[in-house]
Every structure is written in C-alpha cells, then in structure tokens.
Amino acid sequence: MSFKAFTDYLLLEKNYSKLTVIAYQNDLMNFEQFIKAEYDSEDVKSVNYPQIRNWIVSLVESNISNRSINRKISSLNTYFKFLLKIGETDKNPLAKHKALKTSKKIQVPFSETEINMVLDELHFEDDFEGIRNKLIIELFYSTGIRRIELVELKLSSIDFDTKTLKVLGKRNKERIVPLIKPVLDTMVKYLKVRSQLKCVDINNLFLTKKGVKIYETLVYRIINEYFSIASTKLKKSPHILRHSFATHLLNQGADLNAVKELLGHSSLAATQVYTHNSIAELKKVHINSHPRSKK
C-alpha cells in the first residue's frame, strides 16, 4: 500500500522534518507487514481495533519499550485522522485507545562544574577538528539548540553584527538566539580553519574534515567523548547539554517564557520538564533562608 499522500501531507502541510516522516513511514510499514502476515490483508484502512490490539501485544512480546510502542500507535492514529480528513474512511479505530503507561525518564543535566571542566580544562587540539568540536559544545550549552538544528546550520545562519544565530526548528519554525562572546570568538577561529578545507559543501556551517556536511551520529560521538572524561553520568548526549542549558538558566532566575522561546518550544508544558532541578535548587534556598526552617 502507498502512503505517499499521507507523507506529502506531513511534509508539505504539517511541515514535519524528513526524519520524522521517515519514522512515520517505518511505523506504518511495520503495521502493514503485521496485518499481511496475520490476516492476509494489505488494506490498512479497513482494520479494526482488535487487530490493532493484537499488533500491540506482538510489540510488547518483542520487548519493545512502551514509549516506542506509543510512538508507533501515534503514527497509526495520525494516519487514520488523515484518512478521516480526506474522506477515505468514516471511523478511526484508535479513537478510544489509551496509551500504554510509561515511566517518567528524569534527564539529569551536567553540572556547571562538569561543563566548565570540559570547556576550560580539557585539551582541544588547535586544528580544524579540535576547534570545531569546542564550538559545537559551546553552541549546545550557550544556545540550547537541538542536535538536528546544529547539523542543519548554514554559514548564513550567523550574524556577527547582531551577535545572533538563526535556527530552523521543528516544523520549519525559525527563531533567533543570542550568541555570547566566547562562542563568537571560537566561531571566528573555526571559520578561519574551515576556510582552509577543500570544501565539498560550501553552505553548511559544520563540516567533517573531508569538507562534507557533518552528521548526527558524529555530533553525538563528539559530545559523548569529551563528557565521558568529565562526567560519570550514564547519559552524555547533545540533548543533555540542551537540558543543562535550560536548567542552569532557570536556576539563575531566568523567566520560564524566555527559556521557552530560546528552546523553540511551542508550549510552556514542554519547557516545564526542565524545571525539576530548578525546584530542587529553590527548595535548598528556601530551607537555608526561611526563618522558621532554622527552628
């Protein structure tokens, strides 16, 4: 079965990224393969909820996490909503489905000490890769951008006059984030060594040493490599640096709405997941400062 009309809708009308659309396609193809194997049918449009429930059971038995299963169901649900929208079906079999329970994952940010150790004490080679790697870490921590947003940055994204960076976020929504002086200084050094590369890709800001656009797994490896030296935390990723950016700003008294805009969130609810450490900090201040707590 072709899902082209659906994927075109996600790309062109919903402005989803290509990676997100590929994830939707994979989830739908997975379900299509299941109903073909179990019910000898390729007609996803005509399935009922018991058939979908059997698919969910098979996913659970495959030891796939509830979080991943919920994502797959969400893809299928979005597809049925699309079919309703264009009049291809008159019912959504997932209309009354309740998501599987998931445990809340607490993201533990890097401490300021760990970040300062990486940026101020670890050795970065004074060559293309060393300067690039330091700039990547500084950008993540000083702007809170996502990994894919960093990968997609262009040379034209930087404005040295206004000391800002133009970021293309989810659903092609642009936002402007300020750049602090240490980042601008490293950026100047990076652009100098970048200009000495034999570039295959002249537009993208971050490149590999071969002169082609940097890729997400390399960015992850860079963060993991440096923070493995400075931190014992289990998870060391670009997202943890984004989490650290938000948490440290909030700890210093930044307004939640301002942090929301910097992160490129569409709602405050998404930003509030970063506040649990700030609340812990406030509790500490409260206990140490309130007159009655000393009794």
C-alpha atoms as a PDB file:
ATOM      1  CA  MET A   1       0.000   0.000   0.000  1.00  0.00           C
ATOM      2  CA  SER A   2       1.264   3.520  -0.821  1.00  0.00           C
ATOM      3  CA  PHE A   3       1.341   6.118   1.943  1.00  0.00           C
ATOM      4  CA  LYS A   4       2.538   8.879  -0.414  1.00  0.00           C
ATOM      5  CA  ALA A   5      -0.489  11.186   0.039  1.00  0.00           C
ATOM      6  CA  PHE A   6      -0.059  10.899   3.803  1.00  0.00           C
ATOM      7  CA  THR A   7       3.685  11.603   3.759  1.00  0.00           C
ATOM      8  CA  ASP A   8       3.151  14.549   1.386  1.00  0.00           C
ATOM      9  CA  TYR A   9       0.616  15.897   3.883  1.00  0.00           C
ATOM     10  CA  LEU A  10       3.124  15.571   6.744  1.00  0.00           C
ATOM     11  CA  LEU A  11       5.910  17.225   4.742  1.00  0.00           C
ATOM     12  CA  LEU A  12       4.011  19.975   2.963  1.00  0.00           C
ATOM     13  CA  GLU A  13       1.089  20.836   5.242  1.00  0.00           C
ATOM     14  CA  LYS A  14       2.340  19.869   8.696  1.00  0.00           C
ATOM     15  CA  ASN A  15       5.952  20.882   7.907  1.00  0.00           C
ATOM     16  CA  TYR A  16       7.377  17.791   9.608  1.00  0.00           C
ATOM     17  CA  SER A  17      11.078  17.097   9.072  1.00  0.00           C
ATOM     18  CA  LYS A  18      12.173  14.384   6.659  1.00  0.00           C
ATOM     19  CA  LEU A  19      13.494  12.277   9.538  1.00  0.00           C
ATOM     20  CA  THR A  20      10.137  12.459  11.329  1.00  0.00           C
ATOM     21  CA  VAL A  21       8.273  11.487   8.156  1.00  0.00           C
ATOM     22  CA  ILE A  22      10.608   8.512   7.636  1.00  0.00           C
ATOM     23  CA  ALA A  23       9.809   7.387  11.199  1.00  0.00           C
ATOM     24  CA  TYR A  24       6.060   7.578  10.405  1.00  0.00           C
ATOM     25  CA  GLN A  25       6.579   5.584   7.199  1.00  0.00           C
ATOM     26  CA  ASN A  26       8.515   2.877   9.032  1.00  0.00           C
ATOM     27  CA  ASP A  27       5.808   2.557  11.704  1.00  0.00           C
ATOM     28  CA  LEU A  28       3.052   2.242   9.099  1.00  0.00           C
ATOM     29  CA  MET A  29       5.023  -0.298   7.065  1.00  0.00           C
ATOM     30  CA  ASN A  30       5.611  -2.298  10.240  1.00  0.00           C
ATOM     31  CA  PHE A  31       1.864  -2.409  10.885  1.00  0.00           C
ATOM     32  CA  GLU A  32       1.119  -3.251   7.235  1.00  0.00           C
ATOM     33  CA  GLN A  33       3.537  -6.200   7.406  1.00  0.00           C
ATOM     34  CA  PHE A  34       1.810  -7.413  10.572  1.00  0.00           C
ATOM     35  CA  ILE A  35      -1.725  -7.439   9.140  1.00  0.00           C
ATOM     36  CA  LYS A  36      -0.462  -9.056   5.952  1.00  0.00           C
ATOM     37  CA  ALA A  37       1.187 -11.857   7.936  1.00  0.00           C
ATOM     38  CA  GLU A  38      -1.617 -12.309  10.490  1.00  0.00           C
ATOM     39  CA  TYR A  39      -4.760 -11.557   8.468  1.00  0.00           C
ATOM     40  CA  ASP A  40      -3.612 -11.957   4.853  1.00  0.00           C
ATOM     41  CA  SER A  41      -4.680  -8.372   4.152  1.00  0.00           C
ATOM     42  CA  GLU A  42      -2.902  -5.282   2.901  1.00  0.00           C
ATOM     43  CA  ASP A  43      -5.815  -2.906   3.478  1.00  0.00           C
ATOM     44  CA  VAL A  44      -4.753  -0.811   6.459  1.00  0.00           C
ATOM     45  CA  LYS A  45      -7.819   1.414   6.032  1.00  0.00           C
ATOM     46  CA  SER A  46     -10.265  -1.358   6.949  1.00  0.00           C
ATOM     47  CA  VAL A  47      -8.614  -2.722  10.110  1.00  0.00           C
ATOM     48  CA  ASN A  48     -10.471  -2.823  13.416  1.00  0.00           C
ATOM     49  CA  TYR A  49      -9.299  -2.193  16.948  1.00  0.00           C
ATOM     50  CA  PRO A  50      -8.950  -5.901  17.953  1.00  0.00           C
ATOM     51  CA  GLN A  51      -6.496  -6.331  15.064  1.00  0.00           C
ATOM     52  CA  ILE A  52      -4.546  -3.272  16.206  1.00  0.00           C
ATOM     53  CA  ARG A  53      -4.585  -4.589  19.781  1.00  0.00           C
ATOM     54  CA  ASN A  54      -3.055  -7.858  18.589  1.00  0.00           C
ATOM     55  CA  TRP A  55      -0.307  -5.821  16.904  1.00  0.00           C
ATOM     56  CA  ILE A  56       0.325  -4.001  20.181  1.00  0.00           C
ATOM     57  CA  VAL A  57       0.525  -7.339  22.019  1.00  0.00           C
ATOM     58  CA  SER A  58       3.077  -8.599  19.481  1.00  0.00           C
ATOM     59  CA  LEU A  59       5.167  -5.451  20.019  1.00  0.00           C
ATOM     60  CA  VAL A  60       5.053  -5.904  23.804  1.00  0.00           C
ATOM     61  CA  GLU A  61       6.101  -9.547  23.412  1.00  0.00           C
ATOM     62  CA  SER A  62       9.046  -8.358  21.290  1.00  0.00           C
ATOM     63  CA  ASN A  63      10.330  -6.464  24.340  1.00  0.00           C
ATOM     64  CA  ILE A  64       9.886  -3.085  22.686  1.00  0.00           C
ATOM     65  CA  SER A  65       9.548  -0.316  25.270  1.00  0.00           C
ATOM     66  CA  ASN A  66       6.108   1.140  25.981  1.00  0.00           C
ATOM     67  CA  ARG A  67       7.417   4.534  24.926  1.00  0.00           C
ATOM     68  CA  SER A  68       8.386   3.199  21.483  1.00  0.00           C
ATOM     69  CA  ILE A  69       5.083   1.320  21.147  1.00  0.00           C
ATOM     70  CA  ASN A  70       3.160   4.508  21.972  1.00  0.00           C
ATOM     71  CA  ARG A  71       5.079   6.309  19.240  1.00  0.00           C
ATOM     72  CA  LYS A  72       4.157   3.632  16.697  1.00  0.00           C
ATOM     73  CA  ILE A  73       0.492   3.789  17.735  1.00  0.00           C
ATOM     74  CA  SER A  74       0.619   7.573  17.476  1.00  0.00           C
ATOM     75  CA  SER A  75       1.850   7.249  13.873  1.00  0.00           C
ATOM     76  CA  LEU A  76      -1.055   4.941  13.051  1.00  0.00           C
ATOM     77  CA  ASN A  77      -3.507   7.250  14.817  1.00  0.00           C
ATOM     78  CA  THR A  78      -2.246  10.250  12.813  1.00  0.00           C
ATOM     79  CA  TYR A  79      -2.712   8.237   9.629  1.00  0.00           C
ATOM     80  CA  PHE A  80      -6.341   7.412  10.467  1.00  0.00           C
ATOM     81  CA  LYS A  81      -7.016  11.062  11.303  1.00  0.00           C
ATOM     82  CA  PHE A  82      -5.634  11.945   7.875  1.00  0.00           C
ATOM     83  CA  LEU A  83      -7.941   9.378   6.210  1.00  0.00           C
ATOM     84  CA  LEU A  84     -10.906  10.917   8.052  1.00  0.00           C
ATOM     85  CA  LYS A  85      -9.817  14.382   6.919  1.00  0.00           C
ATOM     86  CA  ILE A  86      -9.759  13.408   3.221  1.00  0.00           C
ATOM     87  CA  GLY A  87     -12.901  11.245   3.439  1.00  0.00           C
ATOM     88  CA  GLU A  88     -11.172   7.911   2.819  1.00  0.00           C
ATOM     89  CA  THR A  89     -12.704   6.391   5.956  1.00  0.00           C
ATOM     90  CA  ASP A  90     -15.595   7.201   8.281  1.00  0.00           C
ATOM     91  CA  LYS A  91     -14.066   5.964  11.541  1.00  0.00           C
ATOM     92  CA  ASN A  92     -10.829   5.931  13.490  1.00  0.00           C
ATOM     93  CA  PRO A  93     -10.365   2.545  15.243  1.00  0.00           C
ATOM     94  CA  LEU A  94      -7.910   4.201  17.639  1.00  0.00           C
ATOM     95  CA  ALA A  95     -10.302   6.950  18.737  1.00  0.00           C
ATOM     96  CA  LYS A  96     -10.769   5.482  22.234  1.00  0.00           C
ATOM     97  CA  HIS A  97      -7.338   3.900  22.623  1.00  0.00           C
ATOM     98  CA  LYS A  98      -5.409   4.752  25.794  1.00  0.00           C
ATOM     99  CA  ALA A  99      -1.636   4.970  25.622  1.00  0.00           C
ATOM    100  CA  LEU A 100       0.456   2.388  27.467  1.00  0.00           C
ATOM    101  CA  LYS A 101       1.863   3.569  30.778  1.00  0.00           C
ATOM    102  CA  THR A 102       5.472   4.720  30.677  1.00  0.00           C
ATOM    103  CA  SER A 103       7.872   5.501  33.466  1.00  0.00           C
ATOM    104  CA  LYS A 104       8.935   9.127  33.672  1.00  0.00           C
ATOM    105  CA  LYS A 105      12.502   9.491  32.469  1.00  0.00           C
ATOM    106  CA  ILE A 106      14.366  12.045  34.536  1.00  0.00           C
ATOM    107  CA  GLN A 107      17.064  13.685  32.472  1.00  0.00           C
ATOM    108  CA  VAL A 108      20.000  14.525  34.725  1.00  0.00           C
ATOM    109  CA  PRO A 109      21.802  17.604  33.420  1.00  0.00           C
ATOM    110  CA  PHE A 110      25.542  18.146  33.557  1.00  0.00           C
ATOM    111  CA  SER A 111      26.606  20.302  36.470  1.00  0.00           C
ATOM    112  CA  GLU A 112      28.214  23.676  35.848  1.00  0.00           C
ATOM    113  CA  THR A 113      31.437  22.164  37.198  1.00  0.00           C
ATOM    114  CA  GLU A 114      31.358  19.353  34.612  1.00  0.00           C
ATOM    115  CA  ILE A 115      30.728  21.777  31.760  1.00  0.00           C
ATOM    116  CA  ASN A 116      33.450  24.169  32.929  1.00  0.00           C
ATOM    117  CA  MET A 117      35.852  21.228  33.157  1.00  0.00           C
ATOM    118  CA  VAL A 118      35.186  20.286  29.539  1.00  0.00           C
ATOM    119  CA  LEU A 119      35.390  23.829  28.162  1.00  0.00           C
ATOM    120  CA  ASP A 120      38.142  25.252  30.388  1.00  0.00           C
ATOM    121  CA  GLU A 121      40.324  22.333  31.443  1.00  0.00           C
ATOM    122  CA  LEU A 122      40.212  19.672  28.719  1.00  0.00           C
ATOM    123  CA  HIS A 123      42.631  19.975  25.837  1.00  0.00           C
ATOM    124  CA  PHE A 124      41.219  20.753  22.388  1.00  0.00           C
ATOM    125  CA  GLU A 125      43.699  20.435  19.538  1.00  0.00           C
ATOM    126  CA  ASP A 126      44.375  23.726  17.766  1.00  0.00           C
ATOM    127  CA  ASP A 127      43.374  22.258  14.409  1.00  0.00           C
ATOM    128  CA  PHE A 128      40.143  22.040  12.400  1.00  0.00           C
ATOM    129  CA  GLU A 129      38.567  19.166  14.369  1.00  0.00           C
ATOM    130  CA  GLY A 130      39.635  20.460  17.783  1.00  0.00           C
ATOM    131  CA  ILE A 131      38.269  23.974  17.180  1.00  0.00           C
ATOM    132  CA  ARG A 132      35.109  22.592  15.562  1.00  0.00           C
ATOM    133  CA  ASN A 133      34.450  20.247  18.482  1.00  0.00           C
ATOM    134  CA  LYS A 134      34.857  23.010  21.054  1.00  0.00           C
ATOM    135  CA  LEU A 135      32.498  25.266  19.085  1.00  0.00           C
ATOM    136  CA  ILE A 136      29.882  22.507  18.900  1.00  0.00           C
ATOM    137  CA  ILE A 137      29.958  22.051  22.690  1.00  0.00           C
ATOM    138  CA  GLU A 138      29.872  25.815  23.312  1.00  0.00           C
ATOM    139  CA  LEU A 139      26.938  26.250  20.928  1.00  0.00           C
ATOM    140  CA  PHE A 140      24.895  23.482  22.525  1.00  0.00           C
ATOM    141  CA  TYR A 141      25.447  24.842  26.016  1.00  0.00           C
ATOM    142  CA  SER A 142      25.054  28.549  25.198  1.00  0.00           C
ATOM    143  CA  THR A 143      22.012  28.305  22.910  1.00  0.00           C
ATOM    144  CA  GLY A 144      20.198  25.068  23.844  1.00  0.00           C
ATOM    145  CA  ILE A 145      19.714  24.098  20.193  1.00  0.00           C
ATOM    146  CA  ARG A 146      18.785  20.558  19.173  1.00  0.00           C
ATOM    147  CA  ARG A 147      21.254  18.206  17.506  1.00  0.00           C
ATOM    148  CA  ILE A 148      19.451  18.266  14.135  1.00  0.00           C
ATOM    149  CA  GLU A 149      19.254  22.075  14.333  1.00  0.00           C
ATOM    150  CA  LEU A 150      23.028  22.265  14.774  1.00  0.00           C
ATOM    151  CA  VAL A 151      23.625  19.864  11.884  1.00  0.00           C
ATOM    152  CA  GLU A 152      21.419  21.998   9.601  1.00  0.00           C
ATOM    153  CA  LEU A 153      23.047  25.357  10.425  1.00  0.00           C
ATOM    154  CA  LYS A 154      24.272  27.330   7.397  1.00  0.00           C
ATOM    155  CA  LEU A 155      27.071  29.869   7.125  1.00  0.00           C
ATOM    156  CA  SER A 156      24.315  32.425   6.570  1.00  0.00           C
ATOM    157  CA  SER A 157      22.778  31.493   9.946  1.00  0.00           C
ATOM    158  CA  ILE A 158      25.391  33.592  11.780  1.00  0.00           C
ATOM    159  CA  ASP A 159      25.020  37.354  12.105  1.00  0.00           C
ATOM    160  CA  PHE A 160      28.138  38.867  13.648  1.00  0.00           C
ATOM    161  CA  ASP A 161      26.657  42.384  13.583  1.00  0.00           C
ATOM    162  CA  THR A 162      23.707  41.487  15.807  1.00  0.00           C
ATOM    163  CA  LYS A 163      25.591  38.645  17.556  1.00  0.00           C
ATOM    164  CA  THR A 164      22.761  36.217  16.841  1.00  0.00           C
ATOM    165  CA  LEU A 165      22.134  32.829  15.274  1.00  0.00           C
ATOM    166  CA  LYS A 166      19.159  31.979  13.070  1.00  0.00           C
ATOM    167  CA  VAL A 167      17.908  28.475  13.912  1.00  0.00           C
ATOM    168  CA  LEU A 168      15.449  26.442  11.857  1.00  0.00           C
ATOM    169  CA  GLY A 169      13.455  24.413  14.364  1.00  0.00           C
ATOM    170  CA  LYS A 170      10.653  21.883  14.269  1.00  0.00           C
ATOM    171  CA  ARG A 171       8.031  22.386  11.561  1.00  0.00           C
ATOM    172  CA  ASN A 172      10.384  24.855   9.834  1.00  0.00           C
ATOM    173  CA  LYS A 173       9.822  27.452  12.546  1.00  0.00           C
ATOM    174  CA  GLU A 174      12.650  29.982  12.667  1.00  0.00           C
ATOM    175  CA  ARG A 175      13.942  31.540  15.869  1.00  0.00           C
ATOM    176  CA  ILE A 176      16.780  33.907  16.675  1.00  0.00           C
ATOM    177  CA  VAL A 177      19.079  33.103  19.592  1.00  0.00           C
ATOM    178  CA  PRO A 178      21.810  35.373  21.003  1.00  0.00           C
ATOM    179  CA  LEU A 179      25.471  34.418  20.859  1.00  0.00           C
ATOM    180  CA  ILE A 180      27.757  35.206  23.791  1.00  0.00           C
ATOM    181  CA  LYS A 181      31.332  36.470  23.317  1.00  0.00           C
ATOM    182  CA  PRO A 182      33.228  33.182  23.992  1.00  0.00           C
ATOM    183  CA  VAL A 183      31.127  31.458  21.301  1.00  0.00           C
ATOM    184  CA  LEU A 184      31.681  34.296  18.819  1.00  0.00           C
ATOM    185  CA  ASP A 185      35.438  34.152  19.473  1.00  0.00           C
ATOM    186  CA  THR A 186      35.539  30.385  18.843  1.00  0.00           C
ATOM    187  CA  MET A 187      33.309  30.876  15.775  1.00  0.00           C
ATOM    188  CA  VAL A 188      35.851  33.287  14.250  1.00  0.00           C
ATOM    189  CA  LYS A 189      38.654  30.753  14.818  1.00  0.00           C
ATOM    190  CA  TYR A 190      36.528  27.939  13.359  1.00  0.00           C
ATOM    191  CA  LEU A 191      35.609  29.875  10.221  1.00  0.00           C
ATOM    192  CA  LYS A 192      39.292  30.586   9.649  1.00  0.00           C
ATOM    193  CA  VAL A 193      40.323  26.896   9.763  1.00  0.00           C
ATOM    194  CA  ARG A 194      37.156  25.921   7.878  1.00  0.00           C
ATOM    195  CA  SER A 195      38.164  28.227   5.003  1.00  0.00           C
ATOM    196  CA  GLN A 196      41.373  26.225   4.615  1.00  0.00           C
ATOM    197  CA  LEU A 197      39.462  22.979   3.936  1.00  0.00           C
ATOM    198  CA  LYS A 198      38.898  21.697   0.457  1.00  0.00           C
ATOM    199  CA  CYS A 199      35.141  22.016   0.869  1.00  0.00           C
ATOM    200  CA  VAL A 200      32.684  19.838  -0.969  1.00  0.00           C
ATOM    201  CA  ASP A 201      29.858  21.527   0.917  1.00  0.00           C
ATOM    202  CA  ILE A 202      30.151  25.317   0.888  1.00  0.00           C
ATOM    203  CA  ASN A 203      26.855  26.240   2.550  1.00  0.00           C
ATOM    204  CA  ASN A 204      26.626  24.204   5.748  1.00  0.00           C
ATOM    205  CA  LEU A 205      28.383  25.597   8.805  1.00  0.00           C
ATOM    206  CA  PHE A 206      29.630  22.377  10.358  1.00  0.00           C
ATOM    207  CA  LEU A 207      31.657  20.005   8.207  1.00  0.00           C
ATOM    208  CA  THR A 208      33.741  16.884   8.593  1.00  0.00           C
ATOM    209  CA  LYS A 209      37.473  17.132   7.916  1.00  0.00           C
ATOM    210  CA  LYS A 210      36.683  15.870   4.400  1.00  0.00           C
ATOM    211  CA  GLY A 211      34.691  19.037   3.740  1.00  0.00           C
ATOM    212  CA  VAL A 212      31.229  17.460   3.720  1.00  0.00           C
ATOM    213  CA  LYS A 213      28.236  18.211   5.935  1.00  0.00           C
ATOM    214  CA  ILE A 214      28.555  16.880   9.481  1.00  0.00           C
ATOM    215  CA  TYR A 215      26.115  14.121  10.504  1.00  0.00           C
ATOM    216  CA  GLU A 216      24.135  13.465  13.680  1.00  0.00           C
ATOM    217  CA  THR A 217      25.980  10.363  14.901  1.00  0.00           C
ATOM    218  CA  LEU A 218      29.321  12.183  14.683  1.00  0.00           C
ATOM    219  CA  VAL A 219      27.910  15.070  16.732  1.00  0.00           C
ATOM    220  CA  TYR A 220      26.708  12.573  19.357  1.00  0.00           C
ATOM    221  CA  ARG A 221      30.155  10.903  19.450  1.00  0.00           C
ATOM    222  CA  ILE A 222      31.890  14.258  19.963  1.00  0.00           C
ATOM    223  CA  ILE A 223      29.735  15.135  22.984  1.00  0.00           C
ATOM    224  CA  ASN A 224      29.999  11.644  24.442  1.00  0.00           C
ATOM    225  CA  GLU A 225      33.784  11.534  24.037  1.00  0.00           C
ATOM    226  CA  TYR A 226      34.536  14.794  25.857  1.00  0.00           C
ATOM    227  CA  PHE A 227      31.940  14.419  28.604  1.00  0.00           C
ATOM    228  CA  SER A 228      32.996  10.840  29.309  1.00  0.00           C
ATOM    229  CA  ILE A 229      36.194  12.374  30.681  1.00  0.00           C
ATOM    230  CA  ALA A 230      34.446  14.977  32.849  1.00  0.00           C
ATOM    231  CA  SER A 231      31.251  13.211  33.933  1.00  0.00           C
ATOM    232  CA  THR A 232      30.194   9.865  35.377  1.00  0.00           C
ATOM    233  CA  LYS A 233      26.554  10.338  34.323  1.00  0.00           C
ATOM    234  CA  LEU A 234      25.105   7.440  32.343  1.00  0.00           C
ATOM    235  CA  LYS A 235      23.758   9.591  29.528  1.00  0.00           C
ATOM    236  CA  LYS A 236      26.120  12.017  27.811  1.00  0.00           C
ATOM    237  CA  SER A 237      24.440  13.429  24.726  1.00  0.00           C
ATOM    238  CA  PRO A 238      23.588  16.680  22.908  1.00  0.00           C
ATOM    239  CA  HIS A 239      20.127  16.543  24.487  1.00  0.00           C
ATOM    240  CA  ILE A 240      21.654  16.510  27.982  1.00  0.00           C
ATOM    241  CA  LEU A 241      23.573  19.676  27.044  1.00  0.00           C
ATOM    242  CA  ARG A 242      20.279  21.234  25.910  1.00  0.00           C
ATOM    243  CA  HIS A 243      18.771  20.140  29.211  1.00  0.00           C
ATOM    244  CA  SER A 244      21.731  21.643  31.094  1.00  0.00           C
ATOM    245  CA  PHE A 245      21.331  24.952  29.232  1.00  0.00           C
ATOM    246  CA  ALA A 246      17.672  25.241  30.257  1.00  0.00           C
ATOM    247  CA  THR A 247      18.195  24.055  33.841  1.00  0.00           C
ATOM    248  CA  HIS A 248      21.129  26.363  34.528  1.00  0.00           C
ATOM    249  CA  LEU A 249      19.274  29.386  33.130  1.00  0.00           C
ATOM    250  CA  LEU A 250      16.260  28.627  35.305  1.00  0.00           C
ATOM    251  CA  ASN A 251      18.496  28.110  38.344  1.00  0.00           C
ATOM    252  CA  GLN A 252      19.886  31.601  37.758  1.00  0.00           C
ATOM    253  CA  GLY A 253      16.390  33.091  37.744  1.00  0.00           C
ATOM    254  CA  ALA A 254      15.616  33.200  34.014  1.00  0.00           C
ATOM    255  CA  ASP A 255      11.954  33.625  33.108  1.00  0.00           C
ATOM    256  CA  LEU A 256      10.285  30.371  32.010  1.00  0.00           C
ATOM    257  CA  ASN A 257       8.727  32.063  28.974  1.00  0.00           C
ATOM    258  CA  ALA A 258      12.124  33.377  27.870  1.00  0.00           C
ATOM    259  CA  VAL A 259      13.649  29.892  28.140  1.00  0.00           C
ATOM    260  CA  LYS A 260      10.683  28.526  26.166  1.00  0.00           C
ATOM    261  CA  GLU A 261      11.443  30.936  23.300  1.00  0.00           C
ATOM    262  CA  LEU A 262      15.164  30.136  23.348  1.00  0.00           C
ATOM    263  CA  LEU A 263      14.462  26.394  23.201  1.00  0.00           C
ATOM    264  CA  GLY A 264      11.940  26.781  20.382  1.00  0.00           C
ATOM    265  CA  HIS A 265       9.113  25.106  22.290  1.00  0.00           C
ATOM    266  CA  SER A 266       5.555  25.655  21.101  1.00  0.00           C
ATOM    267  CA  SER A 267       4.108  25.468  24.630  1.00  0.00           C
ATOM    268  CA  LEU A 268       5.186  26.048  28.217  1.00  0.00           C
ATOM    269  CA  ALA A 269       4.302  22.445  29.071  1.00  0.00           C
ATOM    270  CA  ALA A 270       7.287  21.250  27.023  1.00  0.00           C
ATOM    271  CA  THR A 271       9.621  23.657  28.832  1.00  0.00           C
ATOM    272  CA  GLN A 272       8.375  22.761  32.299  1.00  0.00           C
ATOM    273  CA  VAL A 273      10.007  19.320  32.143  1.00  0.00           C
ATOM    274  CA  TYR A 274      13.305  21.167  32.658  1.00  0.00           C
ATOM    275  CA  THR A 275      12.209  22.767  35.925  1.00  0.00           C
ATOM    276  CA  HIS A 276      12.566  19.841  38.357  1.00  0.00           C
ATOM    277  CA  ASN A 277      16.199  20.700  39.100  1.00  0.00           C
ATOM    278  CA  SER A 278      15.313  24.377  39.470  1.00  0.00           C
ATOM    279  CA  ILE A 279      12.650  23.444  42.000  1.00  0.00           C
ATOM    280  CA  ALA A 280      15.245  21.419  43.913  1.00  0.00           C
ATOM    281  CA  GLU A 281      17.500  24.500  43.935  1.00  0.00           C
ATOM    282  CA  LEU A 282      14.634  26.685  45.163  1.00  0.00           C
ATOM    283  CA  LYS A 283      13.899  24.212  47.968  1.00  0.00           C
ATOM    284  CA  LYS A 284      17.519  24.399  49.069  1.00  0.00           C
ATOM    285  CA  VAL A 285      17.426  28.208  49.129  1.00  0.00           C
ATOM    286  CA  HIS A 286      14.087  28.153  50.930  1.00  0.00           C
ATOM    287  CA  ILE A 287      15.288  25.767  53.656  1.00  0.00           C
ATOM    288  CA  ASN A 288      18.526  27.698  54.167  1.00  0.00           C
ATOM    289  CA  SER A 289      16.867  31.109  54.180  1.00  0.00           C
ATOM    290  CA  HIS A 290      13.429  30.838  55.770  1.00  0.00           C
ATOM    291  CA  PRO A 291      13.431  31.918  59.454  1.00  0.00           C
ATOM    292  CA  ARG A 292      11.138  29.076  60.540  1.00  0.00           C
ATOM    293  CA  SER A 293      13.325  26.385  58.927  1.00  0.00           C
ATOM    294  CA  LYS A 294      16.089  27.096  61.441  1.00  0.00           C
ATOM    295  CA  LYS A 295      13.962  26.141  64.449  1.00  0.00           C
END
